[in-house]
Amino acid sequence: MSIVAGKRIVLGVGGSIANYKVIELARQLTVAGALVDVVMTEEATRFVTPLTFQSLTYRPVYTEMWSTLENAAAHVKLGEEADVVLVVPATAHTLASIAHGLADTMILTTILATRAPVMLVPAMNVNMWQNVATQENVALLRRRGLHVLEPDEGMLASGITGRGRLPEIERIEGELRALLGRSSGRLAGRKVVVTAGGTHEPIDPVRFIGNRASGHMGYAIAAAARDEGARVILISGPAALQPPMAVEVVRVETAQQMHDAVHEHVVDADLLVMNAAVADYRPAQAVDHKLKKTQEQLTIGLERTPDILQSLVDIKGPIKVGFAAETNDLLAYAADKLKRKNLDLIVANDAVGSIGQPDIEITLLDVDGRHTTLPRQAKALIAEQLLEHVLQRWPDRLGRTDAPNSTPSTRFQED
């Protein structure tokens, strides 16, 4: 299940031309199953009408603290019931007001009244963002445990280019999911390493031996682990995909580079998911210049690449999950690989019907011999179900041990 499903999200909307982007954010969060309560400043209503947000969230929109008797206590109720408070766009005035504990708008009073995590997404002129007053306010807010998302660099409404642009909605939602995961996810405080994509083994500077792996499955697993609060290290071979937001990406190209990266990051990992389609062979001798078509046939000598899973056989710390993509005798090959590589779990899938495809059917083979088949569906859904299986199967090794990042009693006190 999505980390935002069923969550109560207070979406504070400040006065900015960037408001038109927030409409899509409200829609996406609602579609994902969140209960989105929009609170708008008076300035925000001059850019987008409250009816727009109400039509997309199917919930009332709050604009004034004293418009009705019910609204007089709405900020307390919203703050107490919220799972997260998100302010986007957060103007320089809003940042300053929150930093100094002001309470003259409904957004400000809601933040003062909440015990939930708070994420602020600034958008403003580059000079306003770089102003020492704004930067000191941001530093103060971060010390108090509020999550302030750095604005993007690009063309601003004023026509100049600089840092101050509202981040893309995908980035905001990714960071929001990560924040929710860290505060309530079952992998909060845990480290998850995921490999994804294929590898390229060079023949010459412009040619390589590779495969059709797209990276979709591994990227989806990384996103699912992020949503559960884990610190995720995504070790990715070449892939034409945008990595999930709020994960650490390590780019590699060859099997040897992936081998080295896995060994570097697996040391203190709690879960290792080896989804990458690593090339089994590489040219024994790559040349440093482009080969010319000077003969009818070309013979390239190949040698084995490092067997990454085999090199991890004696590592006892993390739960180890492997993948077996086969074209025949799928379960037999997968069961053999599970045993030889000393894995806790292996994911078996048909190579022809899954590599490069948007959806997949898999069979999970546990170390104790149990088989579980997940029917064909989108890889993002399969990733969530795979992670759920791991969490249910090894709760003692993946149980949450940390507390949420911030404590409400100290949020508005100096360190």
Protein backbone atom coordinates (compact mmCIF):
# COMPACT_ATOMS: atom_id res chain seq x y z
CA MET A 1 0.00 0.00 0.00
CA SER A 2 1.23 3.51 -0.79
CA ILE A 3 2.74 5.35 2.18
CA VAL A 4 0.39 8.31 1.56
CA ALA A 5 -2.79 6.21 1.37
CA GLY A 6 -5.06 7.12 4.27
CA LYS A 7 -2.68 9.80 5.55
CA ARG A 8 -4.04 13.21 6.54
CA ILE A 9 -1.99 15.85 4.78
CA VAL A 10 -2.40 19.54 5.53
CA LEU A 11 -1.35 21.39 2.38
CA GLY A 12 -0.58 25.03 3.09
CA VAL A 13 -0.54 27.19 -0.03
CA GLY A 14 1.30 30.52 0.05
CA GLY A 15 0.99 33.48 -2.30
CA SER A 16 3.14 32.83 -5.37
CA ILE A 17 2.82 32.53 -9.13
CA ALA A 18 4.05 28.95 -8.60
CA ASN A 19 0.62 28.08 -7.16
CA TYR A 20 -0.54 26.64 -10.46
CA LYS A 21 1.90 23.75 -9.94
CA VAL A 22 0.46 22.97 -6.51
CA ILE A 23 -2.87 22.11 -8.10
CA GLU A 24 -1.34 19.00 -9.65
CA LEU A 25 0.33 18.06 -6.37
CA ALA A 26 -3.01 18.19 -4.55
CA ARG A 27 -4.56 16.03 -7.27
CA GLN A 28 -1.78 13.43 -7.20
CA LEU A 29 -1.85 13.10 -3.42
CA THR A 30 -5.62 12.70 -3.48
CA VAL A 31 -5.46 10.06 -6.23
CA ALA A 32 -2.86 8.20 -4.13
CA GLY A 33 -5.41 7.95 -1.33
CA ALA A 34 -4.43 10.81 0.97
CA LEU A 35 -6.93 13.06 2.74
CA VAL A 36 -5.72 16.50 1.69
CA ASP A 37 -6.85 19.55 3.66
CA VAL A 38 -5.85 22.72 1.83
CA VAL A 39 -5.16 25.89 3.81
CA MET A 40 -4.62 29.01 1.69
CA THR A 41 -3.31 32.44 2.59
CA GLU A 42 -5.28 35.45 1.38
CA GLU A 43 -2.49 36.17 -1.12
CA ALA A 44 -2.71 32.60 -2.47
CA THR A 45 -6.39 33.03 -3.38
CA ARG A 46 -5.43 35.81 -5.78
CA PHE A 47 -3.52 33.30 -7.92
CA VAL A 48 -5.76 30.20 -7.60
CA THR A 49 -9.32 30.01 -6.34
CA PRO A 50 -10.20 27.80 -3.36
CA LEU A 51 -12.81 26.08 -5.54
CA THR A 52 -10.03 24.67 -7.72
CA PHE A 53 -8.48 22.80 -4.79
CA GLN A 54 -11.86 21.82 -3.39
CA SER A 55 -12.83 20.27 -6.73
CA LEU A 56 -9.67 18.13 -6.76
CA THR A 57 -9.46 17.10 -3.09
CA TYR A 58 -13.23 16.74 -2.47
CA ARG A 59 -12.69 18.48 0.86
CA PRO A 60 -13.36 22.01 2.18
CA VAL A 61 -10.61 24.58 1.71
CA TYR A 62 -9.64 26.88 4.58
CA THR A 63 -8.82 30.49 3.78
CA GLU A 64 -9.68 32.55 6.87
CA MET A 65 -9.26 31.76 10.54
CA TRP A 66 -12.38 33.57 11.71
CA SER A 67 -14.83 33.19 8.79
CA THR A 68 -17.07 30.80 10.77
CA LEU A 69 -17.34 29.63 14.35
CA GLU A 70 -16.07 26.19 13.29
CA ASN A 71 -12.95 27.72 11.75
CA ALA A 72 -12.05 29.32 15.07
CA ALA A 73 -10.67 25.98 16.25
CA ALA A 74 -9.95 24.43 12.86
CA HIS A 75 -6.23 25.12 13.02
CA VAL A 76 -5.97 23.11 16.24
CA LYS A 77 -8.00 20.23 14.85
CA LEU A 78 -6.10 20.16 11.56
CA GLY A 79 -2.76 20.28 13.36
CA GLU A 80 -3.67 17.54 15.82
CA GLU A 81 -5.05 15.18 13.17
CA ALA A 82 -2.34 15.74 10.55
CA ASP A 83 0.19 13.07 9.66
CA VAL A 84 2.27 15.72 7.92
CA VAL A 85 2.02 19.45 7.23
CA LEU A 86 3.30 20.56 3.83
CA VAL A 87 3.66 24.23 2.88
CA VAL A 88 4.16 24.82 -0.82
CA PRO A 89 5.09 27.31 -2.02
CA ALA A 90 6.60 28.74 1.15
CA THR A 91 7.34 32.42 0.59
CA ALA A 92 10.09 34.39 2.32
CA HIS A 93 7.42 35.95 4.52
CA THR A 94 6.03 32.54 5.48
CA LEU A 95 9.48 31.18 6.34
CA ALA A 96 10.21 34.21 8.52
CA SER A 97 6.83 33.98 10.24
CA ILE A 98 7.24 30.28 11.06
CA ALA A 99 10.80 30.79 12.26
CA HIS A 100 9.67 33.47 14.70
CA GLY A 101 6.54 31.67 15.91
CA LEU A 102 3.96 34.10 14.53
CA ALA A 103 0.32 33.02 14.55
CA ASP A 104 -1.68 35.49 12.46
CA THR A 105 -2.72 33.14 9.62
CA MET A 106 -4.27 29.71 9.62
CA ILE A 107 -1.17 28.11 8.12
CA LEU A 108 1.00 29.52 10.91
CA THR A 109 -1.36 28.51 13.72
CA THR A 110 -1.76 25.02 12.27
CA ILE A 111 2.02 24.54 12.27
CA LEU A 112 2.25 25.78 15.86
CA ALA A 113 -0.51 23.38 16.88
CA THR A 114 0.77 20.25 15.13
CA ARG A 115 2.96 17.47 16.45
CA ALA A 116 3.40 16.04 12.95
CA PRO A 117 6.45 16.43 10.68
CA VAL A 118 6.51 19.71 8.74
CA MET A 119 7.95 20.14 5.25
CA LEU A 120 8.45 23.57 3.72
CA VAL A 121 9.01 24.06 -0.02
CA PRO A 122 10.28 27.57 -0.72
CA ALA A 123 9.78 29.48 -3.98
CA MET A 124 10.87 33.10 -4.44
CA ASN A 125 13.18 35.50 -6.24
CA VAL A 126 16.82 34.40 -6.20
CA ASN A 127 17.95 37.50 -4.29
CA MET A 128 15.26 36.95 -1.67
CA TRP A 129 16.34 33.31 -1.28
CA GLN A 130 20.01 34.24 -0.97
CA ASN A 131 19.35 37.10 1.46
CA VAL A 132 21.09 36.49 4.77
CA ALA A 133 17.81 36.92 6.68
CA THR A 134 16.12 34.18 4.66
CA GLN A 135 19.10 31.85 4.99
CA GLU A 136 19.27 32.38 8.75
CA ASN A 137 15.55 31.65 9.01
CA VAL A 138 15.99 28.45 6.99
CA ALA A 139 18.91 27.35 9.17
CA LEU A 140 16.85 28.03 12.31
CA LEU A 141 13.89 26.03 10.96
CA ARG A 142 16.12 23.08 10.10
CA ARG A 143 17.69 23.11 13.57
CA ARG A 144 14.21 22.87 15.00
CA GLY A 145 13.49 19.75 13.01
CA LEU A 146 11.46 21.14 10.11
CA HIS A 147 12.32 19.79 6.68
CA VAL A 148 13.12 22.62 4.23
CA LEU A 149 13.43 21.51 0.62
CA GLU A 150 16.07 23.40 -1.35
CA PRO A 151 14.51 25.28 -4.32
CA ASP A 152 15.57 24.50 -7.87
CA GLU A 153 17.68 26.66 -10.12
CA GLY A 154 16.13 27.91 -13.34
CA MET A 155 14.13 30.64 -15.02
CA LEU A 156 12.09 32.60 -12.47
CA ALA A 157 8.89 34.58 -12.92
CA SER A 158 10.91 37.80 -12.93
CA GLY A 159 12.71 36.64 -16.07
CA ILE A 160 16.10 36.09 -14.45
CA THR A 161 17.78 32.73 -13.86
CA GLY A 162 18.82 31.59 -10.40
CA ARG A 163 17.93 29.43 -7.41
CA GLY A 164 14.43 30.05 -6.13
CA ARG A 165 12.26 28.10 -8.54
CA LEU A 166 9.66 25.75 -7.05
CA PRO A 167 10.95 22.16 -7.32
CA GLU A 168 9.18 19.84 -9.74
CA ILE A 169 6.10 18.10 -8.32
CA GLU A 170 7.77 14.68 -8.62
CA ARG A 171 10.59 15.85 -6.37
CA ILE A 172 8.21 17.34 -3.82
CA GLU A 173 6.11 14.18 -3.67
CA GLY A 174 9.20 11.97 -3.43
CA GLU A 175 10.60 14.00 -0.54
CA LEU A 176 7.18 13.97 1.14
CA ARG A 177 7.00 10.18 0.87
CA ALA A 178 10.48 9.89 2.34
CA LEU A 179 9.52 12.17 5.24
CA LEU A 180 6.38 10.15 5.98
CA GLY A 181 8.43 6.98 5.80
CA ARG A 182 11.01 8.25 8.26
CA SER A 183 8.29 9.21 10.74
CA SER A 184 6.03 6.14 10.43
CA GLY A 185 7.60 3.63 8.02
CA ARG A 186 8.56 0.12 9.04
CA LEU A 187 12.10 0.53 7.71
CA ALA A 188 12.83 3.83 9.46
CA GLY A 189 16.44 3.81 10.58
CA ARG A 190 17.34 0.89 8.30
CA LYS A 191 19.69 0.82 5.31
CA VAL A 192 18.61 -0.86 2.07
CA VAL A 193 20.93 -1.45 -0.89
CA VAL A 194 19.32 -2.10 -4.29
CA THR A 195 21.04 -2.86 -7.59
CA ALA A 196 19.24 -2.10 -10.84
CA GLY A 197 19.64 -1.97 -14.60
CA GLY A 198 22.11 -3.85 -16.75
CA THR A 199 25.85 -3.44 -17.17
CA HIS A 200 27.88 -2.40 -20.22
CA GLU A 201 31.10 -4.29 -20.85
CA PRO A 202 33.20 -2.29 -23.35
CA ILE A 203 34.47 -3.77 -26.60
CA ASP A 204 35.98 -0.47 -27.68
CA PRO A 205 35.29 3.18 -26.74
CA VAL A 206 31.89 3.18 -28.55
CA ARG A 207 30.65 -0.43 -28.41
CA PHE A 208 29.76 -2.72 -25.54
CA ILE A 209 28.20 -6.04 -24.59
CA GLY A 210 24.97 -5.52 -22.68
CA ASN A 211 21.38 -6.63 -22.30
CA ARG A 212 17.84 -5.29 -22.49
CA ALA A 213 17.39 -4.59 -18.76
CA SER A 214 15.58 -1.28 -18.26
CA GLY A 215 16.04 -0.81 -14.51
CA HIS A 216 12.32 -0.32 -13.89
CA MET A 217 12.02 -3.11 -11.32
CA GLY A 218 15.04 -2.06 -9.27
CA TYR A 219 14.02 1.59 -9.31
CA ALA A 220 10.53 0.62 -8.13
CA ILE A 221 12.00 -1.43 -5.27
CA ALA A 222 14.18 1.52 -4.25
CA ALA A 223 11.12 3.80 -4.19
CA ALA A 224 9.13 1.31 -2.12
CA ALA A 225 11.94 1.01 0.44
CA ARG A 226 12.21 4.80 0.59
CA ASP A 227 8.49 5.05 1.29
CA GLU A 228 8.95 2.72 4.26
CA GLY A 229 11.53 5.09 5.70
CA ALA A 230 14.77 3.34 4.76
CA ARG A 231 17.96 5.04 3.76
CA VAL A 232 18.23 3.66 0.24
CA ILE A 233 21.42 3.21 -1.77
CA LEU A 234 20.49 2.57 -5.42
CA ILE A 235 23.43 1.15 -7.36
CA SER A 236 22.39 1.58 -10.98
CA GLY A 237 23.89 0.47 -14.22
CA PRO A 238 23.11 2.49 -17.37
CA ALA A 239 19.34 3.17 -17.47
CA ALA A 240 17.20 5.73 -19.29
CA LEU A 241 15.13 6.42 -16.19
CA GLN A 242 14.76 9.21 -13.67
CA PRO A 243 15.84 7.71 -10.32
CA PRO A 244 13.37 7.90 -7.44
CA MET A 245 13.63 11.10 -5.44
CA ALA A 246 15.17 11.05 -1.97
CA VAL A 247 17.40 8.01 -2.58
CA GLU A 248 21.18 7.95 -2.90
CA VAL A 249 22.21 6.92 -6.42
CA VAL A 250 25.55 5.33 -7.22
CA ARG A 251 26.16 5.21 -10.98
CA VAL A 252 28.19 2.34 -12.41
CA GLU A 253 28.73 0.94 -15.87
CA THR A 254 30.53 -2.41 -15.69
CA ALA A 255 30.10 -5.56 -13.64
CA GLN A 256 33.39 -4.88 -11.87
CA GLN A 257 32.25 -1.39 -10.88
CA MET A 258 28.95 -2.78 -9.59
CA HIS A 259 30.84 -5.46 -7.64
CA ASP A 260 33.01 -2.81 -5.98
CA ALA A 261 30.05 -0.53 -5.19
CA VAL A 262 28.02 -3.36 -3.63
CA HIS A 263 30.91 -4.41 -1.41
CA GLU A 264 31.40 -0.81 -0.32
CA HIS A 265 27.78 -0.25 0.70
CA VAL A 266 26.65 -3.69 1.92
CA VAL A 267 28.85 -3.58 5.03
CA ASP A 268 26.22 -2.00 7.30
CA ALA A 269 23.11 -2.77 5.21
CA ASP A 270 20.00 -4.38 6.66
CA LEU A 271 18.58 -5.50 3.31
CA LEU A 272 20.28 -6.17 -0.02
CA VAL A 273 18.16 -6.58 -3.16
CA MET A 274 20.21 -7.67 -6.17
CA ASN A 275 17.91 -6.88 -9.09
CA ALA A 276 20.53 -5.77 -11.63
CA ALA A 277 20.99 -7.87 -14.76
CA VAL A 278 24.77 -8.09 -14.55
CA ALA A 279 26.58 -9.25 -17.69
CA ASP A 280 28.03 -12.76 -17.24
CA TYR A 281 30.87 -12.18 -19.70
CA ARG A 282 33.02 -9.30 -20.89
CA PRO A 283 35.59 -8.90 -23.65
CA ALA A 284 38.86 -10.36 -22.44
CA GLN A 285 40.66 -7.39 -23.92
CA ALA A 286 38.95 -4.10 -24.73
CA VAL A 287 40.72 -1.92 -27.26
CA ASP A 288 41.27 1.81 -26.80
CA HIS A 289 40.22 2.78 -30.34
CA LYS A 290 37.14 2.21 -32.45
CA LEU A 291 37.30 -1.07 -34.35
CA LYS A 292 36.95 -0.75 -38.14
CA LYS A 293 34.98 -2.95 -40.51
CA THR A 294 38.01 -4.48 -42.17
CA GLN A 295 36.95 -8.13 -42.14
CA GLU A 296 33.81 -10.21 -42.76
CA GLN A 297 33.91 -11.87 -39.33
CA LEU A 298 35.12 -10.61 -35.99
CA THR A 299 35.95 -12.90 -33.11
CA ILE A 300 35.92 -11.44 -29.62
CA GLY A 301 37.34 -13.47 -26.76
CA LEU A 302 35.19 -13.34 -23.63
CA GLU A 303 35.93 -13.92 -19.96
CA ARG A 304 33.72 -14.26 -16.90
CA THR A 305 32.75 -11.14 -15.01
CA PRO A 306 32.86 -11.18 -11.20
CA ASP A 307 29.95 -13.12 -9.66
CA ILE A 308 28.70 -10.49 -7.24
CA LEU A 309 26.22 -12.67 -5.37
CA GLN A 310 28.74 -15.47 -5.01
CA SER A 311 31.25 -13.01 -3.58
CA LEU A 312 28.71 -12.18 -0.82
CA VAL A 313 28.10 -15.78 0.28
CA ASP A 314 29.90 -15.39 3.60
CA ILE A 315 28.36 -12.03 4.50
CA LYS A 316 25.92 -12.67 7.36
CA GLY A 317 24.47 -9.24 8.15
CA PRO A 318 21.80 -8.19 5.64
CA ILE A 319 18.81 -10.12 4.36
CA LYS A 320 19.89 -11.06 0.83
CA VAL A 321 17.37 -11.13 -2.01
CA GLY A 322 18.40 -12.23 -5.49
CA PHE A 323 16.66 -12.38 -8.87
CA ALA A 324 16.61 -15.21 -11.39
CA ALA A 325 15.44 -14.27 -14.89
CA GLU A 326 15.28 -17.41 -17.04
CA THR A 327 13.80 -18.52 -20.37
CA ASN A 328 13.21 -22.16 -19.33
CA ASP A 329 13.09 -24.37 -16.20
CA LEU A 330 12.53 -21.19 -14.19
CA LEU A 331 11.82 -22.60 -10.73
CA ALA A 332 14.50 -25.26 -10.92
CA TYR A 333 17.21 -22.76 -11.87
CA ALA A 334 15.96 -20.29 -9.27
CA ALA A 335 15.98 -22.89 -6.47
CA ASP A 336 19.52 -23.91 -7.39
CA LYS A 337 20.69 -20.28 -7.40
CA LEU A 338 19.00 -19.64 -4.04
CA LYS A 339 21.03 -22.45 -2.48
CA ARG A 340 24.36 -21.83 -4.23
CA LYS A 341 24.38 -18.10 -3.48
CA ASN A 342 23.25 -18.53 0.14
CA LEU A 343 20.28 -16.19 -0.30
CA ASP A 344 17.33 -15.66 2.01
CA LEU A 345 14.92 -15.15 -0.88
CA ILE A 346 15.02 -15.32 -4.66
CA VAL A 347 12.63 -13.73 -7.13
CA ALA A 348 12.02 -15.87 -10.21
CA ASN A 349 10.65 -14.32 -13.38
CA ASP A 350 10.40 -15.13 -17.06
CA ALA A 351 13.15 -13.16 -18.81
CA VAL A 352 11.34 -12.80 -22.14
CA GLY A 353 8.09 -11.59 -20.59
CA SER A 354 9.57 -9.15 -18.09
CA ILE A 355 12.79 -7.48 -19.22
CA GLY A 356 11.98 -4.05 -20.57
CA GLN A 357 8.24 -4.49 -19.89
CA PRO A 358 6.14 -2.20 -17.64
CA ASP A 359 4.60 -5.12 -15.73
CA ILE A 360 5.79 -8.48 -14.45
CA GLU A 361 4.76 -11.78 -12.85
CA ILE A 362 7.10 -13.23 -10.25
CA THR A 363 7.43 -16.24 -7.96
CA LEU A 364 9.11 -15.84 -4.57
CA LEU A 365 11.17 -18.79 -3.34
CA ASP A 366 12.03 -18.64 0.36
CA VAL A 367 15.04 -20.33 1.88
CA ASP A 368 12.67 -22.71 3.72
CA GLY A 369 11.18 -23.93 0.42
CA ARG A 370 7.96 -21.89 0.32
CA HIS A 371 6.76 -20.57 -3.06
CA THR A 372 4.58 -17.47 -3.47
CA THR A 373 3.41 -16.30 -6.89
CA LEU A 374 2.49 -12.65 -7.46
CA PRO A 375 0.29 -12.29 -10.57
CA ARG A 376 1.27 -10.02 -13.44
CA GLN A 377 0.87 -6.33 -12.61
CA ALA A 378 2.74 -3.04 -12.72
CA LYS A 379 6.30 -3.26 -11.43
CA ALA A 380 5.64 -0.53 -8.84
CA LEU A 381 2.91 -2.69 -7.28
CA ILE A 382 5.07 -5.81 -7.44
CA ALA A 383 7.86 -3.89 -5.67
CA GLU A 384 5.52 -2.96 -2.80
CA GLN A 385 4.32 -6.56 -2.46
CA LEU A 386 7.87 -7.92 -2.57
CA LEU A 387 8.92 -5.56 0.21
CA GLU A 388 5.81 -6.47 2.18
CA HIS A 389 6.74 -10.15 1.88
CA VAL A 390 10.23 -9.43 3.23
CA LEU A 391 8.86 -7.35 6.12
CA GLN A 392 6.36 -10.05 7.06
CA ARG A 393 8.90 -12.86 6.67
CA TRP A 394 11.71 -11.30 8.75
CA PRO A 395 10.14 -8.81 11.18
CA ASP A 396 12.78 -9.56 13.81
CA ARG A 397 15.60 -8.53 11.47
CA LEU A 398 13.89 -5.46 10.01
CA GLY A 399 11.81 -4.17 12.92
CA ARG A 400 11.89 -0.43 13.49
CA THR A 401 14.14 0.64 16.34
CA ASP A 402 14.37 4.42 16.02
CA ALA A 403 12.06 7.24 16.99
CA PRO A 404 10.69 9.89 14.62
CA ASN A 405 13.21 12.50 13.55
CA SER A 406 11.78 15.43 15.46
CA THR A 407 10.05 15.85 18.78
CA PRO A 408 7.29 18.46 19.00
CA SER A 409 8.37 19.66 22.44
CA THR A 410 11.70 20.91 21.08
CA ARG A 411 10.69 21.98 17.59
CA PHE A 412 10.38 25.64 18.44
CA GLN A 413 13.24 25.85 20.89
CA GLU A 414 16.80 26.80 20.13
CA ASP A 415 19.39 24.01 20.20
